[in-house]
Amino acid sequence: MARNIVYIQANDKIAQSFKETFRERNVELTVAKSAAEALDIMGKQEVGLLLVDINIPDMRLSQLVEICSRDYPTVILNVCVDVLNSLLITKLVNRHAIHKIFVAPWDVREMVEEIEESLDAAEISREQVLHEKKILQENEDFQNTLQSLKDALKKQQFSYGKIRAITDLFFEHALSLTDGRGMAQIKQIFDVYLRMQTTETVNTGDFAGVLASDFEKLTQGRSGFTLSAGSIALPDGAVKVKAVNIRFLFWLIVYKTLCESMNQEAAVFDFAVSSSVTNETETEFVIKRRGSTEKKIPFLEQYLLEIIHLFADSDAITQEADEITYRMTFQLGRNAS
C-alpha cells in the first residue's frame, strides 16, 4: 500500500513545513487547499491517510467524514485543531471516528511519529476492508449461483408431472411384456431420461451430433439401422428441458423400432432427422422412419402416441407404405413453459 498523505491546509507556510518533514521520512505528502481538491486527488490515486485542518474552507468536517466513510473506507483521518476543547475532542472521536487529533501548537516531528502509526493502521484497515469485500463478493457469487439453481429448478418444476406420467406408462408397458425381454431397455431409457432432465448437460450447438451419439448407444451398432441427421439447430437460449424432451422422444421412437424388430436380424430401418425454425421460439422437428417388419406391437404405438402428446406442443404422425413420419413442434425459447 502506498504510504502517502493528503493534507488539507490553506496556509502555505504551515503546509511547506509539514511537507519538508515528511519528505525526510520518505512519506509523500500532497497538499490540498480545500476539501474538494483533496477529494479530487483521492479519486485519482491511492491515499493512506487524510490529514485535515479543523478550519476547512469549503466544507463542514462532518460532511467530509461522511464522504470518506462512503467512498474511501480504507482512508484513515487525522485532524489538527487550534485549541484544546474536551467537548470537541469527544465529538471528533465518538461521532466522526477520527483516528488521531493534534492540538496546536504542533511539533511537526512528533506528529510524524504519530501519523506513521496512523499509516500502519490505514494499511491494516485496508486489508480488513479488502477482506470484507472479498467475503461479500464470494457471498454474492454464492447467492447468484444459488438463485441460478433455484431458477433452473423452477423452470423444470412443470416436468415433474410429465416424469410421473412417463413412469406410469413405462410400468404399464413393462407389465404388458409377459416374457420380460424389454425390461432392461425400459430401465435404460428411463434412467437416461432422468439423467438428461436433472444432471446431464445438453450441447444445443451440435444437436445433430447429440442425436447421432444417442442413436449409436441405442442400436449398439446393430446392422440394418442407419441415421441421417442434417443441420439441426436450436434457437439461441433454447430451454434445456425442451431439448431433453426432444432427445427423449427420439430415444423412444428408435426403441419402439428395436422392439418391433426383435428376433428379426434382417430388418432394415433408415432414420432421418431434420428441423426448421418457424419463428423466434418455435421449432419443428421431423423424424422419418423407413422400413417395415412382420411383427407389430400395437400397445407400444399407443404408449408412444401418449408420450408424444404429453411432450410436444403440437404433433402429427402420418404413415405411407413403409414410411412413418413423426412431425413435432416445440416452443424452445426462454419463455417456453
C-alpha atoms as a PDB file:
ATOM      1  CA  MET A   1       0.000   0.000   0.000  1.00  0.00           C
ATOM      2  CA  ALA A   2       1.289   3.496  -0.824  1.00  0.00           C
ATOM      3  CA  ARG A   3       2.424   5.447   2.276  1.00  0.00           C
ATOM      4  CA  ASN A   4       1.141   8.789   1.191  1.00  0.00           C
ATOM      5  CA  ILE A   5      -0.868  11.559   2.814  1.00  0.00           C
ATOM      6  CA  VAL A   6      -3.205  14.250   1.571  1.00  0.00           C
ATOM      7  CA  TYR A   7      -3.110  17.309   3.826  1.00  0.00           C
ATOM      8  CA  ILE A   8      -5.895  19.901   3.664  1.00  0.00           C
ATOM      9  CA  GLN A   9      -4.179  23.173   4.589  1.00  0.00           C
ATOM     10  CA  ALA A  10      -4.831  26.624   3.116  1.00  0.00           C
ATOM     11  CA  ASN A  11      -1.798  28.168   4.866  1.00  0.00           C
ATOM     12  CA  ASP A  12       1.191  27.716   2.541  1.00  0.00           C
ATOM     13  CA  LYS A  13       3.796  28.246   5.288  1.00  0.00           C
ATOM     14  CA  ILE A  14       2.343  25.529   7.554  1.00  0.00           C
ATOM     15  CA  ALA A  15       1.860  23.209   4.576  1.00  0.00           C
ATOM     16  CA  GLN A  16       5.506  23.624   3.484  1.00  0.00           C
ATOM     17  CA  SER A  17       6.887  22.817   6.955  1.00  0.00           C
ATOM     18  CA  PHE A  18       4.847  19.603   7.035  1.00  0.00           C
ATOM     19  CA  LYS A  19       5.903  18.676   3.515  1.00  0.00           C
ATOM     20  CA  GLU A  20       9.651  19.031   4.224  1.00  0.00           C
ATOM     21  CA  THR A  21       9.471  16.984   7.419  1.00  0.00           C
ATOM     22  CA  PHE A  22       7.522  14.147   5.815  1.00  0.00           C
ATOM     23  CA  ARG A  23       9.887  14.090   2.837  1.00  0.00           C
ATOM     24  CA  GLU A  24      12.750  13.274   5.230  1.00  0.00           C
ATOM     25  CA  ARG A  25      10.788  10.197   6.360  1.00  0.00           C
ATOM     26  CA  ASN A  26      10.118   9.051   2.759  1.00  0.00           C
ATOM     27  CA  VAL A  27       6.442   9.760   3.156  1.00  0.00           C
ATOM     28  CA  GLU A  28       4.743  11.523   0.268  1.00  0.00           C
ATOM     29  CA  LEU A  29       2.560  14.417   1.351  1.00  0.00           C
ATOM     30  CA  THR A  30       0.273  16.178  -1.104  1.00  0.00           C
ATOM     31  CA  VAL A  31      -1.199  19.497  -0.039  1.00  0.00           C
ATOM     32  CA  ALA A  32      -4.768  20.431  -0.938  1.00  0.00           C
ATOM     33  CA  LYS A  33      -6.146  23.911  -0.214  1.00  0.00           C
ATOM     34  CA  SER A  34      -9.740  22.674   0.081  1.00  0.00           C
ATOM     35  CA  ALA A  35     -11.790  19.563   0.771  1.00  0.00           C
ATOM     36  CA  ALA A  36     -12.941  19.469  -2.857  1.00  0.00           C
ATOM     37  CA  GLU A  37      -9.333  19.440  -4.078  1.00  0.00           C
ATOM     38  CA  ALA A  38      -8.450  16.708  -1.566  1.00  0.00           C
ATOM     39  CA  LEU A  39     -11.334  14.533  -2.713  1.00  0.00           C
ATOM     40  CA  ASP A  40     -10.312  15.064  -6.331  1.00  0.00           C
ATOM     41  CA  ILE A  41      -6.775  13.848  -5.503  1.00  0.00           C
ATOM     42  CA  MET A  42      -8.124  10.838  -3.594  1.00  0.00           C
ATOM     43  CA  GLY A  43     -10.251   9.907  -6.579  1.00  0.00           C
ATOM     44  CA  LYS A  44      -7.169   9.760  -8.816  1.00  0.00           C
ATOM     45  CA  GLN A  45      -4.628   7.970  -6.617  1.00  0.00           C
ATOM     46  CA  GLU A  46      -4.442   5.626  -3.659  1.00  0.00           C
ATOM     47  CA  VAL A  47      -4.211   7.512  -0.380  1.00  0.00           C
ATOM     48  CA  GLY A  48      -3.463   6.047   3.020  1.00  0.00           C
ATOM     49  CA  LEU A  49      -4.244   8.996   5.272  1.00  0.00           C
ATOM     50  CA  LEU A  50      -6.112  12.279   5.137  1.00  0.00           C
ATOM     51  CA  LEU A  51      -4.746  14.977   7.444  1.00  0.00           C
ATOM     52  CA  VAL A  52      -7.309  17.730   7.957  1.00  0.00           C
ATOM     53  CA  ASP A  53      -7.070  21.155   9.498  1.00  0.00           C
ATOM     54  CA  ILE A  54     -10.228  21.733  11.515  1.00  0.00           C
ATOM     55  CA  ASN A  55     -10.823  25.009   9.659  1.00  0.00           C
ATOM     56  CA  ILE A  56     -11.749  23.528   6.278  1.00  0.00           C
ATOM     57  CA  PRO A  57     -12.638  26.441   3.972  1.00  0.00           C
ATOM     58  CA  ASP A  58     -15.304  24.829   1.801  1.00  0.00           C
ATOM     59  CA  MET A  59     -16.955  22.018   3.765  1.00  0.00           C
ATOM     60  CA  ARG A  60     -18.010  21.012   7.244  1.00  0.00           C
ATOM     61  CA  LEU A  61     -15.893  18.287   8.794  1.00  0.00           C
ATOM     62  CA  SER A  62     -18.967  16.080   9.263  1.00  0.00           C
ATOM     63  CA  GLN A  63     -19.654  16.243   5.516  1.00  0.00           C
ATOM     64  CA  LEU A  64     -16.065  15.309   4.688  1.00  0.00           C
ATOM     65  CA  VAL A  65     -16.126  12.397   7.133  1.00  0.00           C
ATOM     66  CA  GLU A  66     -19.382  11.127   5.624  1.00  0.00           C
ATOM     67  CA  ILE A  67     -17.938  11.209   2.083  1.00  0.00           C
ATOM     68  CA  CYS A  68     -14.724   9.475   3.149  1.00  0.00           C
ATOM     69  CA  SER A  69     -16.630   6.766   5.030  1.00  0.00           C
ATOM     70  CA  ARG A  70     -18.781   6.104   1.976  1.00  0.00           C
ATOM     71  CA  ASP A  71     -16.280   6.435  -0.875  1.00  0.00           C
ATOM     72  CA  TYR A  72     -12.878   5.849   0.742  1.00  0.00           C
ATOM     73  CA  PRO A  73     -13.435   3.451   3.661  1.00  0.00           C
ATOM     74  CA  THR A  74      -9.744   2.455   3.902  1.00  0.00           C
ATOM     75  CA  VAL A  75      -8.502   6.045   4.392  1.00  0.00           C
ATOM     76  CA  ILE A  76      -7.595   6.992   7.967  1.00  0.00           C
ATOM     77  CA  LEU A  77      -8.494  10.537   9.120  1.00  0.00           C
ATOM     78  CA  ASN A  78      -6.321  12.672  11.416  1.00  0.00           C
ATOM     79  CA  VAL A  79      -7.382  16.177  12.459  1.00  0.00           C
ATOM     80  CA  CYS A  80      -5.407  19.248  13.567  1.00  0.00           C
ATOM     81  CA  VAL A  81      -7.254  21.589  15.933  1.00  0.00           C
ATOM     82  CA  ASP A  82      -6.324  25.082  17.158  1.00  0.00           C
ATOM     83  CA  VAL A  83      -7.384  24.800  20.793  1.00  0.00           C
ATOM     84  CA  LEU A  84      -7.900  22.016  23.307  1.00  0.00           C
ATOM     85  CA  ASN A  85     -11.633  21.599  23.749  1.00  0.00           C
ATOM     86  CA  SER A  86     -12.706  18.417  25.526  1.00  0.00           C
ATOM     87  CA  LEU A  87     -16.220  18.528  24.064  1.00  0.00           C
ATOM     88  CA  LEU A  88     -14.842  18.933  20.551  1.00  0.00           C
ATOM     89  CA  ILE A  89     -12.293  16.140  21.071  1.00  0.00           C
ATOM     90  CA  THR A  90     -15.007  13.771  22.322  1.00  0.00           C
ATOM     91  CA  LYS A  91     -17.214  14.633  19.354  1.00  0.00           C
ATOM     92  CA  LEU A  92     -14.407  14.077  16.848  1.00  0.00           C
ATOM     93  CA  VAL A  93     -13.538  10.673  18.292  1.00  0.00           C
ATOM     94  CA  ASN A  94     -17.000   9.310  19.009  1.00  0.00           C
ATOM     95  CA  ARG A  95     -19.101  10.794  16.226  1.00  0.00           C
ATOM     96  CA  HIS A  96     -16.605  11.097  13.392  1.00  0.00           C
ATOM     97  CA  ALA A  97     -14.245   8.194  14.214  1.00  0.00           C
ATOM     98  CA  ILE A  98     -11.121  10.344  13.849  1.00  0.00           C
ATOM     99  CA  HIS A  99      -8.020   8.202  14.426  1.00  0.00           C
ATOM    100  CA  LYS A 100      -5.719  10.870  15.920  1.00  0.00           C
ATOM    101  CA  ILE A 101      -6.166  14.505  16.957  1.00  0.00           C
ATOM    102  CA  PHE A 102      -3.314  17.015  17.111  1.00  0.00           C
ATOM    103  CA  VAL A 103      -3.703  20.196  19.186  1.00  0.00           C
ATOM    104  CA  ALA A 104      -1.794  23.427  18.461  1.00  0.00           C
ATOM    105  CA  PRO A 105       0.955  24.356  18.927  1.00  0.00           C
ATOM    106  CA  TRP A 106       2.159  21.451  16.779  1.00  0.00           C
ATOM    107  CA  ASP A 107       5.547  19.813  16.913  1.00  0.00           C
ATOM    108  CA  VAL A 108       5.709  18.544  13.359  1.00  0.00           C
ATOM    109  CA  ARG A 109       8.454  15.993  14.073  1.00  0.00           C
ATOM    110  CA  GLU A 110       6.466  14.475  16.933  1.00  0.00           C
ATOM    111  CA  MET A 111       3.383  14.465  14.745  1.00  0.00           C
ATOM    112  CA  VAL A 112       5.262  12.455  12.109  1.00  0.00           C
ATOM    113  CA  GLU A 113       5.720   9.579  14.562  1.00  0.00           C
ATOM    114  CA  GLU A 114       2.017   9.588  15.371  1.00  0.00           C
ATOM    115  CA  ILE A 115       0.986   9.873  11.758  1.00  0.00           C
ATOM    116  CA  GLU A 116       3.206   6.964  10.744  1.00  0.00           C
ATOM    117  CA  GLU A 117       1.308   4.885  13.312  1.00  0.00           C
ATOM    118  CA  SER A 118      -1.874   6.003  11.607  1.00  0.00           C
ATOM    119  CA  LEU A 119      -0.437   4.897   8.241  1.00  0.00           C
ATOM    120  CA  ASP A 120       0.178   1.449   9.733  1.00  0.00           C
ATOM    121  CA  ALA A 121      -3.424   1.442  10.958  1.00  0.00           C
ATOM    122  CA  ALA A 122      -4.536   2.512   7.475  1.00  0.00           C
ATOM    123  CA  GLU A 123      -2.777  -0.494   5.952  1.00  0.00           C
ATOM    124  CA  ILE A 124      -4.471  -2.829   8.435  1.00  0.00           C
ATOM    125  CA  SER A 125      -7.810  -1.133   7.743  1.00  0.00           C
ATOM    126  CA  ARG A 126      -7.312  -1.507   4.004  1.00  0.00           C
ATOM    127  CA  GLU A 127      -6.556  -5.220   4.330  1.00  0.00           C
ATOM    128  CA  GLN A 128      -9.620  -5.656   6.508  1.00  0.00           C
ATOM    129  CA  VAL A 129     -11.856  -3.793   4.081  1.00  0.00           C
ATOM    130  CA  LEU A 130     -10.496  -5.784   1.136  1.00  0.00           C
ATOM    131  CA  HIS A 131     -11.043  -8.995   3.065  1.00  0.00           C
ATOM    132  CA  GLU A 132     -14.607  -7.956   3.858  1.00  0.00           C
ATOM    133  CA  LYS A 133     -15.173  -7.058   0.202  1.00  0.00           C
ATOM    134  CA  LYS A 134     -13.842 -10.460  -0.831  1.00  0.00           C
ATOM    135  CA  ILE A 135     -16.195 -12.182   1.604  1.00  0.00           C
ATOM    136  CA  LEU A 136     -19.120 -10.076   0.375  1.00  0.00           C
ATOM    137  CA  GLN A 137     -18.225 -10.842  -3.245  1.00  0.00           C
ATOM    138  CA  GLU A 138     -17.938 -14.553  -2.514  1.00  0.00           C
ATOM    139  CA  ASN A 139     -21.290 -14.409  -0.741  1.00  0.00           C
ATOM    140  CA  GLU A 140     -22.812 -12.539  -3.701  1.00  0.00           C
ATOM    141  CA  ASP A 141     -21.387 -15.120  -6.108  1.00  0.00           C
ATOM    142  CA  PHE A 142     -22.790 -17.899  -3.940  1.00  0.00           C
ATOM    143  CA  GLN A 143     -26.205 -16.230  -3.808  1.00  0.00           C
ATOM    144  CA  ASN A 144     -26.166 -15.746  -7.589  1.00  0.00           C
ATOM    145  CA  THR A 145     -25.261 -19.406  -8.077  1.00  0.00           C
ATOM    146  CA  LEU A 146     -27.970 -20.443  -5.643  1.00  0.00           C
ATOM    147  CA  GLN A 147     -30.505 -18.242  -7.426  1.00  0.00           C
ATOM    148  CA  SER A 148     -29.482 -19.721 -10.791  1.00  0.00           C
ATOM    149  CA  LEU A 149     -30.077 -23.203  -9.405  1.00  0.00           C
ATOM    150  CA  LYS A 150     -33.429 -22.115  -7.992  1.00  0.00           C
ATOM    151  CA  ASP A 151     -34.384 -20.597 -11.352  1.00  0.00           C
ATOM    152  CA  ALA A 152     -33.319 -23.779 -13.138  1.00  0.00           C
ATOM    153  CA  LEU A 153     -35.365 -25.918 -10.757  1.00  0.00           C
ATOM    154  CA  LYS A 154     -38.319 -23.568 -11.109  1.00  0.00           C
ATOM    155  CA  LYS A 155     -38.174 -23.911 -14.884  1.00  0.00           C
ATOM    156  CA  GLN A 156     -38.207 -27.680 -14.520  1.00  0.00           C
ATOM    157  CA  GLN A 157     -40.941 -27.912 -11.899  1.00  0.00           C
ATOM    158  CA  PHE A 158     -43.516 -28.491 -14.593  1.00  0.00           C
ATOM    159  CA  SER A 159     -41.527 -31.552 -15.674  1.00  0.00           C
ATOM    160  CA  TYR A 160     -42.393 -33.466 -12.514  1.00  0.00           C
ATOM    161  CA  GLY A 161     -45.885 -34.277 -13.707  1.00  0.00           C
ATOM    162  CA  LYS A 162     -44.542 -35.403 -17.050  1.00  0.00           C
ATOM    163  CA  ILE A 163     -41.853 -37.571 -15.469  1.00  0.00           C
ATOM    164  CA  ARG A 164     -44.520 -39.139 -13.244  1.00  0.00           C
ATOM    165  CA  ALA A 165     -46.736 -39.770 -16.258  1.00  0.00           C
ATOM    166  CA  ILE A 166     -43.826 -41.334 -18.111  1.00  0.00           C
ATOM    167  CA  THR A 167     -43.096 -43.549 -15.117  1.00  0.00           C
ATOM    168  CA  ASP A 168     -46.668 -44.831 -15.123  1.00  0.00           C
ATOM    169  CA  LEU A 169     -46.557 -45.534 -18.848  1.00  0.00           C
ATOM    170  CA  PHE A 170     -43.281 -47.415 -18.513  1.00  0.00           C
ATOM    171  CA  PHE A 171     -44.632 -49.639 -15.784  1.00  0.00           C
ATOM    172  CA  GLU A 172     -47.780 -50.341 -17.778  1.00  0.00           C
ATOM    173  CA  HIS A 173     -45.570 -51.256 -20.706  1.00  0.00           C
ATOM    174  CA  ALA A 174     -43.381 -53.452 -18.515  1.00  0.00           C
ATOM    175  CA  LEU A 175     -46.398 -55.340 -17.210  1.00  0.00           C
ATOM    176  CA  SER A 176     -47.523 -55.923 -20.808  1.00  0.00           C
ATOM    177  CA  LEU A 177     -44.278 -57.698 -21.641  1.00  0.00           C
ATOM    178  CA  THR A 178     -45.079 -61.142 -20.324  1.00  0.00           C
ATOM    179  CA  ASP A 179     -41.673 -62.593 -21.232  1.00  0.00           C
ATOM    180  CA  GLY A 180     -39.796 -59.663 -19.624  1.00  0.00           C
ATOM    181  CA  ARG A 181     -37.490 -59.212 -22.625  1.00  0.00           C
ATOM    182  CA  GLY A 182     -37.944 -55.450 -22.708  1.00  0.00           C
ATOM    183  CA  MET A 183     -37.365 -54.754 -19.018  1.00  0.00           C
ATOM    184  CA  ALA A 184     -33.642 -53.908 -19.389  1.00  0.00           C
ATOM    185  CA  GLN A 185     -34.327 -51.496 -22.242  1.00  0.00           C
ATOM    186  CA  ILE A 186     -37.161 -49.815 -20.341  1.00  0.00           C
ATOM    187  CA  LYS A 187     -34.940 -49.288 -17.317  1.00  0.00           C
ATOM    188  CA  GLN A 188     -32.150 -47.970 -19.547  1.00  0.00           C
ATOM    189  CA  ILE A 189     -34.385 -45.402 -21.263  1.00  0.00           C
ATOM    190  CA  PHE A 190     -35.988 -44.273 -18.008  1.00  0.00           C
ATOM    191  CA  ASP A 191     -32.562 -43.836 -16.394  1.00  0.00           C
ATOM    192  CA  VAL A 192     -31.376 -41.890 -19.426  1.00  0.00           C
ATOM    193  CA  TYR A 193     -34.357 -39.544 -19.240  1.00  0.00           C
ATOM    194  CA  LEU A 194     -33.904 -38.832 -15.540  1.00  0.00           C
ATOM    195  CA  ARG A 195     -30.199 -38.181 -16.052  1.00  0.00           C
ATOM    196  CA  MET A 196     -30.781 -35.881 -19.008  1.00  0.00           C
ATOM    197  CA  GLN A 197     -33.525 -33.991 -17.167  1.00  0.00           C
ATOM    198  CA  THR A 198     -31.537 -33.415 -13.975  1.00  0.00           C
ATOM    199  CA  THR A 199     -27.738 -33.566 -14.200  1.00  0.00           C
ATOM    200  CA  GLU A 200     -26.596 -34.007 -17.791  1.00  0.00           C
ATOM    201  CA  THR A 201     -25.712 -31.005 -19.926  1.00  0.00           C
ATOM    202  CA  VAL A 202     -27.134 -30.685 -23.428  1.00  0.00           C
ATOM    203  CA  ASN A 203     -24.916 -29.483 -26.263  1.00  0.00           C
ATOM    204  CA  THR A 204     -27.502 -27.470 -28.164  1.00  0.00           C
ATOM    205  CA  GLY A 205     -24.808 -26.174 -30.503  1.00  0.00           C
ATOM    206  CA  ASP A 206     -24.320 -29.632 -32.061  1.00  0.00           C
ATOM    207  CA  PHE A 207     -27.707 -31.211 -31.567  1.00  0.00           C
ATOM    208  CA  ALA A 208     -27.302 -33.401 -34.654  1.00  0.00           C
ATOM    209  CA  GLY A 209     -24.163 -34.852 -33.097  1.00  0.00           C
ATOM    210  CA  VAL A 210     -26.031 -35.435 -29.835  1.00  0.00           C
ATOM    211  CA  LEU A 211     -28.788 -37.387 -31.595  1.00  0.00           C
ATOM    212  CA  ALA A 212     -26.252 -39.372 -33.612  1.00  0.00           C
ATOM    213  CA  SER A 213     -24.488 -40.364 -30.401  1.00  0.00           C
ATOM    214  CA  ASP A 214     -27.824 -41.328 -28.823  1.00  0.00           C
ATOM    215  CA  PHE A 215     -28.666 -43.433 -31.872  1.00  0.00           C
ATOM    216  CA  GLU A 216     -25.350 -45.273 -31.637  1.00  0.00           C
ATOM    217  CA  LYS A 217     -25.899 -46.026 -27.934  1.00  0.00           C
ATOM    218  CA  LEU A 218     -29.404 -47.342 -28.571  1.00  0.00           C
ATOM    219  CA  THR A 219     -28.701 -49.527 -31.579  1.00  0.00           C
ATOM    220  CA  GLN A 220     -25.244 -50.556 -30.351  1.00  0.00           C
ATOM    221  CA  GLY A 221     -24.026 -50.813 -33.913  1.00  0.00           C
ATOM    222  CA  ARG A 222     -26.786 -53.195 -34.963  1.00  0.00           C
ATOM    223  CA  SER A 223     -26.712 -53.804 -38.690  1.00  0.00           C
ATOM    224  CA  GLY A 224     -29.629 -52.538 -40.690  1.00  0.00           C
ATOM    225  CA  PHE A 225     -30.139 -49.406 -38.565  1.00  0.00           C
ATOM    226  CA  THR A 226     -28.925 -46.146 -40.105  1.00  0.00           C
ATOM    227  CA  LEU A 227     -29.398 -42.497 -39.264  1.00  0.00           C
ATOM    228  CA  SER A 228     -29.019 -39.370 -41.350  1.00  0.00           C
ATOM    229  CA  ALA A 229     -29.142 -36.136 -39.397  1.00  0.00           C
ATOM    230  CA  GLY A 230     -28.852 -32.901 -41.294  1.00  0.00           C
ATOM    231  CA  SER A 231     -28.280 -29.451 -39.861  1.00  0.00           C
ATOM    232  CA  ILE A 232     -30.300 -29.460 -36.668  1.00  0.00           C
ATOM    233  CA  ALA A 233     -30.216 -26.089 -34.938  1.00  0.00           C
ATOM    234  CA  LEU A 234     -31.897 -24.973 -31.759  1.00  0.00           C
ATOM    235  CA  PRO A 235     -32.770 -21.297 -31.228  1.00  0.00           C
ATOM    236  CA  ASP A 236     -30.402 -19.208 -29.088  1.00  0.00           C
ATOM    237  CA  GLY A 237     -31.332 -19.607 -25.436  1.00  0.00           C
ATOM    238  CA  ALA A 238     -33.329 -22.807 -26.020  1.00  0.00           C
ATOM    239  CA  VAL A 239     -34.708 -24.134 -22.741  1.00  0.00           C
ATOM    240  CA  LYS A 240     -32.759 -27.215 -21.707  1.00  0.00           C
ATOM    241  CA  VAL A 241     -35.794 -29.167 -20.553  1.00  0.00           C
ATOM    242  CA  LYS A 242     -37.376 -28.908 -24.009  1.00  0.00           C
ATOM    243  CA  ALA A 243     -34.168 -30.051 -25.724  1.00  0.00           C
ATOM    244  CA  VAL A 244     -34.133 -33.019 -23.352  1.00  0.00           C
ATOM    245  CA  ASN A 245     -37.724 -33.871 -24.271  1.00  0.00           C
ATOM    246  CA  ILE A 246     -36.816 -33.919 -27.969  1.00  0.00           C
ATOM    247  CA  ARG A 247     -33.934 -36.288 -27.270  1.00  0.00           C
ATOM    248  CA  PHE A 248     -36.176 -38.467 -25.155  1.00  0.00           C
ATOM    249  CA  LEU A 249     -38.827 -38.793 -27.875  1.00  0.00           C
ATOM    250  CA  PHE A 250     -36.089 -39.659 -30.353  1.00  0.00           C
ATOM    251  CA  TRP A 251     -34.922 -42.400 -27.976  1.00  0.00           C
ATOM    252  CA  LEU A 252     -38.470 -43.757 -27.668  1.00  0.00           C
ATOM    253  CA  ILE A 253     -39.096 -43.829 -31.428  1.00  0.00           C
ATOM    254  CA  VAL A 254     -35.857 -45.697 -32.018  1.00  0.00           C
ATOM    255  CA  TYR A 255     -36.544 -48.022 -29.061  1.00  0.00           C
ATOM    256  CA  LYS A 256     -40.030 -48.799 -30.375  1.00  0.00           C
ATOM    257  CA  THR A 257     -38.479 -49.786 -33.679  1.00  0.00           C
ATOM    258  CA  LEU A 258     -35.959 -52.004 -31.896  1.00  0.00           C
ATOM    259  CA  CYS A 259     -38.813 -53.759 -30.091  1.00  0.00           C
ATOM    260  CA  GLU A 260     -40.696 -54.276 -33.352  1.00  0.00           C
ATOM    261  CA  SER A 261     -37.637 -55.769 -34.992  1.00  0.00           C
ATOM    262  CA  MET A 262     -36.847 -58.112 -32.096  1.00  0.00           C
ATOM    263  CA  ASN A 263     -35.654 -61.538 -33.339  1.00  0.00           C
ATOM    264  CA  GLN A 264     -35.598 -60.268 -36.927  1.00  0.00           C
ATOM    265  CA  GLU A 265     -31.952 -59.954 -37.861  1.00  0.00           C
ATOM    266  CA  ALA A 266     -32.720 -58.992 -41.459  1.00  0.00           C
ATOM    267  CA  ALA A 267     -34.821 -55.962 -40.552  1.00  0.00           C
ATOM    268  CA  VAL A 268     -33.637 -52.717 -42.123  1.00  0.00           C
ATOM    269  CA  PHE A 269     -34.572 -49.275 -40.845  1.00  0.00           C
ATOM    270  CA  ASP A 270     -33.413 -45.875 -42.037  1.00  0.00           C
ATOM    271  CA  PHE A 271     -33.983 -42.856 -39.808  1.00  0.00           C
ATOM    272  CA  ALA A 272     -33.810 -39.240 -40.954  1.00  0.00           C
ATOM    273  CA  VAL A 273     -33.987 -36.295 -38.578  1.00  0.00           C
ATOM    274  CA  SER A 274     -34.428 -32.662 -39.594  1.00  0.00           C
ATOM    275  CA  SER A 275     -35.591 -29.414 -38.050  1.00  0.00           C
ATOM    276  CA  SER A 276     -36.767 -25.993 -39.114  1.00  0.00           C
ATOM    277  CA  VAL A 277     -37.231 -22.827 -37.051  1.00  0.00           C
ATOM    278  CA  THR A 278     -40.697 -21.484 -37.762  1.00  0.00           C
ATOM    279  CA  ASN A 279     -40.318 -18.330 -35.643  1.00  0.00           C
ATOM    280  CA  GLU A 280     -38.083 -16.916 -32.912  1.00  0.00           C
ATOM    281  CA  THR A 281     -39.048 -19.562 -30.365  1.00  0.00           C
ATOM    282  CA  GLU A 282     -40.829 -22.346 -32.255  1.00  0.00           C
ATOM    283  CA  THR A 283     -39.006 -25.216 -33.923  1.00  0.00           C
ATOM    284  CA  GLU A 284     -40.449 -28.147 -35.854  1.00  0.00           C
ATOM    285  CA  PHE A 285     -38.674 -31.493 -35.629  1.00  0.00           C
ATOM    286  CA  VAL A 286     -39.342 -34.215 -38.143  1.00  0.00           C
ATOM    287  CA  ILE A 287     -38.281 -37.830 -37.600  1.00  0.00           C
ATOM    288  CA  LYS A 288     -38.844 -40.148 -40.535  1.00  0.00           C
ATOM    289  CA  ARG A 289     -38.511 -43.898 -40.208  1.00  0.00           C
ATOM    290  CA  ARG A 290     -38.416 -46.035 -43.306  1.00  0.00           C
ATOM    291  CA  GLY A 291     -38.620 -49.794 -43.027  1.00  0.00           C
ATOM    292  CA  SER A 292     -41.192 -52.401 -42.079  1.00  0.00           C
ATOM    293  CA  THR A 293     -41.354 -55.606 -40.100  1.00  0.00           C
ATOM    294  CA  GLU A 294     -43.696 -58.525 -39.938  1.00  0.00           C
ATOM    295  CA  LYS A 295     -44.151 -58.159 -36.203  1.00  0.00           C
ATOM    296  CA  LYS A 296     -46.187 -55.265 -34.824  1.00  0.00           C
ATOM    297  CA  ILE A 297     -46.595 -54.298 -31.160  1.00  0.00           C
ATOM    298  CA  PRO A 298     -49.796 -52.197 -31.001  1.00  0.00           C
ATOM    299  CA  PHE A 299     -49.540 -51.221 -27.329  1.00  0.00           C
ATOM    300  CA  LEU A 300     -46.085 -49.738 -27.951  1.00  0.00           C
ATOM    301  CA  GLU A 301     -47.599 -47.453 -30.573  1.00  0.00           C
ATOM    302  CA  GLN A 302     -50.331 -46.468 -28.132  1.00  0.00           C
ATOM    303  CA  TYR A 303     -47.883 -45.535 -25.376  1.00  0.00           C
ATOM    304  CA  LEU A 304     -45.616 -43.679 -27.775  1.00  0.00           C
ATOM    305  CA  LEU A 305     -48.520 -41.553 -29.021  1.00  0.00           C
ATOM    306  CA  GLU A 306     -49.496 -40.677 -25.441  1.00  0.00           C
ATOM    307  CA  ILE A 307     -45.962 -39.616 -24.620  1.00  0.00           C
ATOM    308  CA  ILE A 308     -45.597 -37.512 -27.777  1.00  0.00           C
ATOM    309  CA  HIS A 309     -48.862 -35.711 -26.952  1.00  0.00           C
ATOM    310  CA  LEU A 310     -47.516 -35.130 -23.454  1.00  0.00           C
ATOM    311  CA  PHE A 311     -44.247 -33.577 -24.580  1.00  0.00           C
ATOM    312  CA  ALA A 312     -44.773 -31.828 -27.913  1.00  0.00           C
ATOM    313  CA  ASP A 313     -46.671 -28.540 -28.170  1.00  0.00           C
ATOM    314  CA  SER A 314     -48.290 -29.939 -31.308  1.00  0.00           C
ATOM    315  CA  ASP A 315     -47.743 -33.137 -33.289  1.00  0.00           C
ATOM    316  CA  ALA A 316     -48.836 -35.093 -36.310  1.00  0.00           C
ATOM    317  CA  ILE A 317     -47.969 -38.666 -37.256  1.00  0.00           C
ATOM    318  CA  THR A 318     -48.510 -39.977 -40.771  1.00  0.00           C
ATOM    319  CA  GLN A 319     -47.776 -43.341 -42.371  1.00  0.00           C
ATOM    320  CA  GLU A 320     -47.449 -44.210 -46.018  1.00  0.00           C
ATOM    321  CA  ALA A 321     -46.393 -47.690 -47.097  1.00  0.00           C
ATOM    322  CA  ASP A 322     -43.224 -48.454 -45.137  1.00  0.00           C
ATOM    323  CA  GLU A 323     -42.544 -44.870 -44.005  1.00  0.00           C
ATOM    324  CA  ILE A 324     -43.701 -43.248 -40.759  1.00  0.00           C
ATOM    325  CA  THR A 325     -43.268 -39.510 -40.233  1.00  0.00           C
ATOM    326  CA  TYR A 326     -43.312 -38.002 -36.741  1.00  0.00           C
ATOM    327  CA  ARG A 327     -43.784 -34.241 -37.008  1.00  0.00           C
ATOM    328  CA  MET A 328     -43.493 -32.401 -33.672  1.00  0.00           C
ATOM    329  CA  THR A 329     -43.460 -28.702 -32.827  1.00  0.00           C
ATOM    330  CA  PHE A 330     -41.774 -27.323 -29.703  1.00  0.00           C
ATOM    331  CA  GLN A 331     -41.649 -23.879 -28.130  1.00  0.00           C
ATOM    332  CA  LEU A 332     -37.939 -23.689 -27.333  1.00  0.00           C
ATOM    333  CA  GLY A 333     -37.327 -20.056 -26.366  1.00  0.00           C
ATOM    334  CA  ARG A 334     -36.504 -18.772 -22.874  1.00  0.00           C
ATOM    335  CA  ASN A 335     -40.152 -18.040 -22.154  1.00  0.00           C
ATOM    336  CA  ALA A 336     -41.258 -21.523 -23.142  1.00  0.00           C
ATOM    337  CA  SER A 337     -43.201 -23.388 -20.475  1.00  0.00           C
END
